[in-house]
C-alpha atoms as a PDB file:
ATOM      1  CA  MET A   1      -5.182  -2.925   4.154  1.00  0.00           C
ATOM      2  CA  ASN A   2      -8.680  -4.120   4.150  1.00  0.00           C
ATOM      3  CA  ARG A   3      -9.245  -4.895   0.370  1.00  0.00           C
ATOM      4  CA  ASN A   4     -13.007  -5.047   0.576  1.00  0.00           C
ATOM      5  CA  SER A   5     -13.677  -1.665   1.630  1.00  0.00           C
ATOM      6  CA  SER A   6     -15.152   0.861  -0.778  1.00  0.00           C
ATOM      7  CA  ALA A   7     -12.353   3.542  -0.018  1.00  0.00           C
ATOM      8  CA  CYS A   8      -9.811   1.062  -1.012  1.00  0.00           C
ATOM      9  CA  LYS A   9     -11.460   0.133  -4.259  1.00  0.00           C
ATOM     10  CA  GLY A  10     -11.737   3.843  -4.909  1.00  0.00           C
ATOM     11  CA  ILE A  11      -8.085   4.276  -4.676  1.00  0.00           C
ATOM     12  CA  GLY A  12      -7.402   2.254  -7.954  1.00  0.00           C
ATOM     13  CA  VAL A  13      -9.745   4.773  -9.943  1.00  0.00           C
ATOM     14  CA  TYR A  14      -7.051   7.403  -9.383  1.00  0.00           C
ATOM     15  CA  LEU A  15      -4.140   5.140 -10.960  1.00  0.00           C
ATOM     16  CA  PHE A  16      -6.332   4.163 -13.581  1.00  0.00           C
ATOM     17  CA  LEU A  17      -7.169   7.737 -14.510  1.00  0.00           C
ATOM     18  CA  ALA A  18      -3.407   8.859 -14.339  1.00  0.00           C
ATOM     19  CA  PHE A  19      -2.230   6.142 -16.685  1.00  0.00           C
ATOM     20  CA  PHE A  20      -5.389   6.941 -18.966  1.00  0.00           C
ATOM     21  CA  TRP A  21      -4.437  10.636 -19.083  1.00  0.00           C
ATOM     22  CA  LEU A  22      -0.798   9.775 -19.831  1.00  0.00           C
ATOM     23  CA  VAL A  23      -1.862   7.453 -22.829  1.00  0.00           C
ATOM     24  CA  VAL A  24      -4.322  10.214 -24.142  1.00  0.00           C
ATOM     25  CA  GLY A  25      -1.513  12.663 -23.834  1.00  0.00           C
ATOM     26  CA  VAL A  26       1.062  10.559 -25.632  1.00  0.00           C
ATOM     27  CA  LEU A  27      -1.479   9.659 -28.525  1.00  0.00           C
ATOM     28  CA  ALA A  28      -2.405  13.286 -28.761  1.00  0.00           C
ATOM     29  CA  GLN A  29       1.285  14.274 -29.312  1.00  0.00           C
ATOM     30  CA  ILE A  30       1.687  11.505 -31.763  1.00  0.00           C
ATOM     31  CA  PHE A  31      -1.382  12.526 -33.855  1.00  0.00           C
ATOM     32  CA  TRP A  32      -1.262  16.198 -33.340  1.00  0.00           C
ATOM     33  CA  ALA A  33      -1.255  17.095 -36.911  1.00  0.00           C
ATOM     34  CA  ASP A  34      -4.475  15.193 -37.759  1.00  0.00           C
ATOM     35  CA  LEU A  35      -6.107  16.322 -34.486  1.00  0.00           C
ATOM     36  CA  GLU A  36      -5.306  19.984 -35.405  1.00  0.00           C
ATOM     37  CA  ARG A  37      -6.983  19.828 -38.777  1.00  0.00           C
ATOM     38  CA  HIS A  38     -10.232  18.994 -36.956  1.00  0.00           C
ATOM     39  CA  ALA A  39     -10.023  21.155 -33.885  1.00  0.00           C
ATOM     40  CA  ILE A  40     -12.664  24.134 -33.302  1.00  0.00           C
ATOM     41  CA  VAL A  41     -10.413  25.929 -31.002  1.00  0.00           C
ATOM     42  CA  ARG A  42      -6.454  25.766 -32.099  1.00  0.00           C
ATOM     43  CA  ILE A  43      -3.965  25.776 -29.375  1.00  0.00           C
ATOM     44  CA  ASP A  44      -0.117  25.102 -29.417  1.00  0.00           C
ATOM     45  CA  ARG A  45       1.018  21.570 -29.119  1.00  0.00           C
ATOM     46  CA  THR A  46       2.985  22.262 -25.687  1.00  0.00           C
ATOM     47  CA  ILE A  47      -0.097  23.727 -24.088  1.00  0.00           C
ATOM     48  CA  GLY A  48      -1.980  20.634 -25.112  1.00  0.00           C
ATOM     49  CA  GLY A  49       0.823  18.314 -23.749  1.00  0.00           C
ATOM     50  CA  PHE A  50       1.205  20.619 -20.599  1.00  0.00           C
ATOM     51  CA  VAL A  51      -2.675  19.961 -20.027  1.00  0.00           C
ATOM     52  CA  PHE A  52      -2.600  16.431 -20.185  1.00  0.00           C
ATOM     53  CA  PHE A  53       0.719  16.297 -17.891  1.00  0.00           C
ATOM     54  CA  VAL A  54      -1.248  18.335 -15.333  1.00  0.00           C
ATOM     55  CA  LEU A  55      -4.075  15.803 -15.484  1.00  0.00           C
ATOM     56  CA  PHE A  56      -1.639  12.866 -15.184  1.00  0.00           C
ATOM     57  CA  SER A  57       0.203  14.228 -12.203  1.00  0.00           C
ATOM     58  CA  TYR A  58      -3.002  15.335 -10.344  1.00  0.00           C
ATOM     59  CA  ASN A  59      -4.388  11.846 -10.517  1.00  0.00           C
ATOM     60  CA  ILE A  60      -1.077  10.258  -9.548  1.00  0.00           C
ATOM     61  CA  LEU A  61      -0.737  12.553  -6.676  1.00  0.00           C
ATOM     62  CA  ARG A  62      -4.370  11.928  -5.602  1.00  0.00           C
ATOM     63  CA  TRP A  63      -3.561   8.013  -5.752  1.00  0.00           C
ATOM     64  CA  ARG A  64      -0.571   8.217  -3.582  1.00  0.00           C
ATOM     65  CA  MET A  65      -2.014  10.642  -1.099  1.00  0.00           C
ATOM     66  CA  ALA A  66      -5.107   8.324  -0.688  1.00  0.00           C
ATOM     67  CA  ARG A  67      -2.992   5.196  -0.537  1.00  0.00           C
ATOM     68  CA  GLY A  68      -0.792   6.869   2.235  1.00  0.00           C
ATOM     69  CA  ARG A  69      -3.857   7.919   4.114  1.00  0.00           C
ATOM     70  CA  GLN A  70      -5.747   4.341   3.997  1.00  0.00           C
ATOM     71  CA  GLU A  71      -2.512   2.896   5.138  1.00  0.00           C
ATOM     72  CA  ALA A  72      -2.234   5.182   7.998  1.00  0.00           C
ATOM     73  CA  ILE A  73      -5.892   4.299   8.952  1.00  0.00           C
ATOM     74  CA  ASP A  74      -5.473   0.628   8.826  1.00  0.00           C
ATOM     75  CA  GLU A  75      -2.242   0.708  10.808  1.00  0.00           C
ATOM     76  CA  HIS A  76      -4.306   3.232  13.561  1.00  0.00           C
ATOM     77  CA  ASN A  77      -7.272   0.826  13.549  1.00  0.00           C
ATOM     78  CA  ASP A  78      -5.221  -2.571  14.131  1.00  0.00           C
ATOM     79  CA  PRO A  79      -6.259  -4.063  17.523  1.00  0.00           C
ATOM     80  CA  PRO A  80      -3.722  -4.261  19.819  1.00  0.00           C
ATOM     81  CA  PRO A  81      -2.119  -7.736  20.884  1.00  0.00           C
ATOM     82  CA  ARG A  82      -4.143  -9.926  22.897  1.00  0.00           C
ATOM     83  CA  ARG A  83      -2.776 -10.155  26.414  1.00  0.00           C
ATOM     84  CA  ARG A  84      -2.731 -13.553  28.212  1.00  0.00           C
ATOM     85  CA  HIS A  85      -5.131 -13.644  31.136  1.00  0.00           C
ATOM     86  CA  ALA A  86      -3.394 -14.251  34.501  1.00  0.00           C
ATOM     87  CA  ASP A  87      -6.222 -16.714  35.452  1.00  0.00           C
ATOM     88  CA  GLN A  88      -5.110 -19.085  32.648  1.00  0.00           C
ATOM     89  CA  PRO A  89      -2.384 -21.683  33.691  1.00  0.00           C
ATOM     90  CA  ILE A  90       0.870 -21.833  31.810  1.00  0.00           C
ATOM     91  CA  ASP A  91       1.082 -24.965  29.669  1.00  0.00           C
ATOM     92  CA  SER A  92       4.068 -27.088  30.688  1.00  0.00           C
ATOM     93  CA  THR A  93       4.572 -28.229  27.217  1.00  0.00           C
ATOM     94  CA  PHE A  94       5.504 -24.790  26.227  1.00  0.00           C
ATOM     95  CA  ASP A  95       7.600 -24.011  29.020  1.00  0.00           C
ATOM     96  CA  PHE A  96      11.013 -23.567  27.516  1.00  0.00           C
ATOM     97  CA  SER A  97      12.585 -21.777  30.381  1.00  0.00           C
ATOM     98  CA  ASP A  98      16.008 -23.167  31.924  1.00  0.00           C
ATOM     99  CA  SER A  99      15.531 -26.114  34.299  1.00  0.00           C
ATOM    100  CA  ASP A 100      17.034 -25.759  37.926  1.00  0.00           C
ATOM    101  CA  PRO A 101      20.752 -26.574  38.005  1.00  0.00           C
ATOM    102  CA  GLN A 102      20.307 -29.155  40.433  1.00  0.00           C
ATOM    103  CA  ASP A 103      18.019 -31.095  37.994  1.00  0.00           C
ATOM    104  CA  GLU A 104      21.102 -30.916  35.605  1.00  0.00           C
ATOM    105  CA  LYS A 105      23.166 -32.364  37.979  1.00  0.00           C
ATOM    106  CA  LYS A 106      21.017 -35.468  38.333  1.00  0.00           C
ATOM    107  CA  LYS A 107      20.694 -36.008  34.478  1.00  0.00           C
ATOM    108  CA  ASP A 108      24.510 -35.819  33.632  1.00  0.00           C
ATOM    109  CA  PRO A 109      26.491 -39.010  34.820  1.00  0.00           C
ATOM    110  CA  PRO A 110      29.595 -38.491  36.599  1.00  0.00           C
ATOM    111  CA  ALA A 111      32.723 -37.981  34.206  1.00  0.00           C
ATOM    112  CA  THR A 112      35.149 -40.940  35.135  1.00  0.00           C
END
């Protein structure tokens, strides 16, 4: 993945927001009694928790979908492997093909 692209940098924001809403939701549940005294509009604790859970889930889903989309784009845009040009000679130092059987007979001394 191209880590320098602006789209890739934006994907991290979704993950940050997801954990931000998770922490805010947990803290809101812990300190619900104190927050309820200062609230202008009173709501039930369950509804408040559900709203924070929805915000957390939405941002996790956005992060996962954006990450999968970016991986698919990167995979699609990878350059194809370079082919060896036919006009280039094969380097004999890197030729690991089997040698002719006649050459092997010349190398091995006869068994006595």
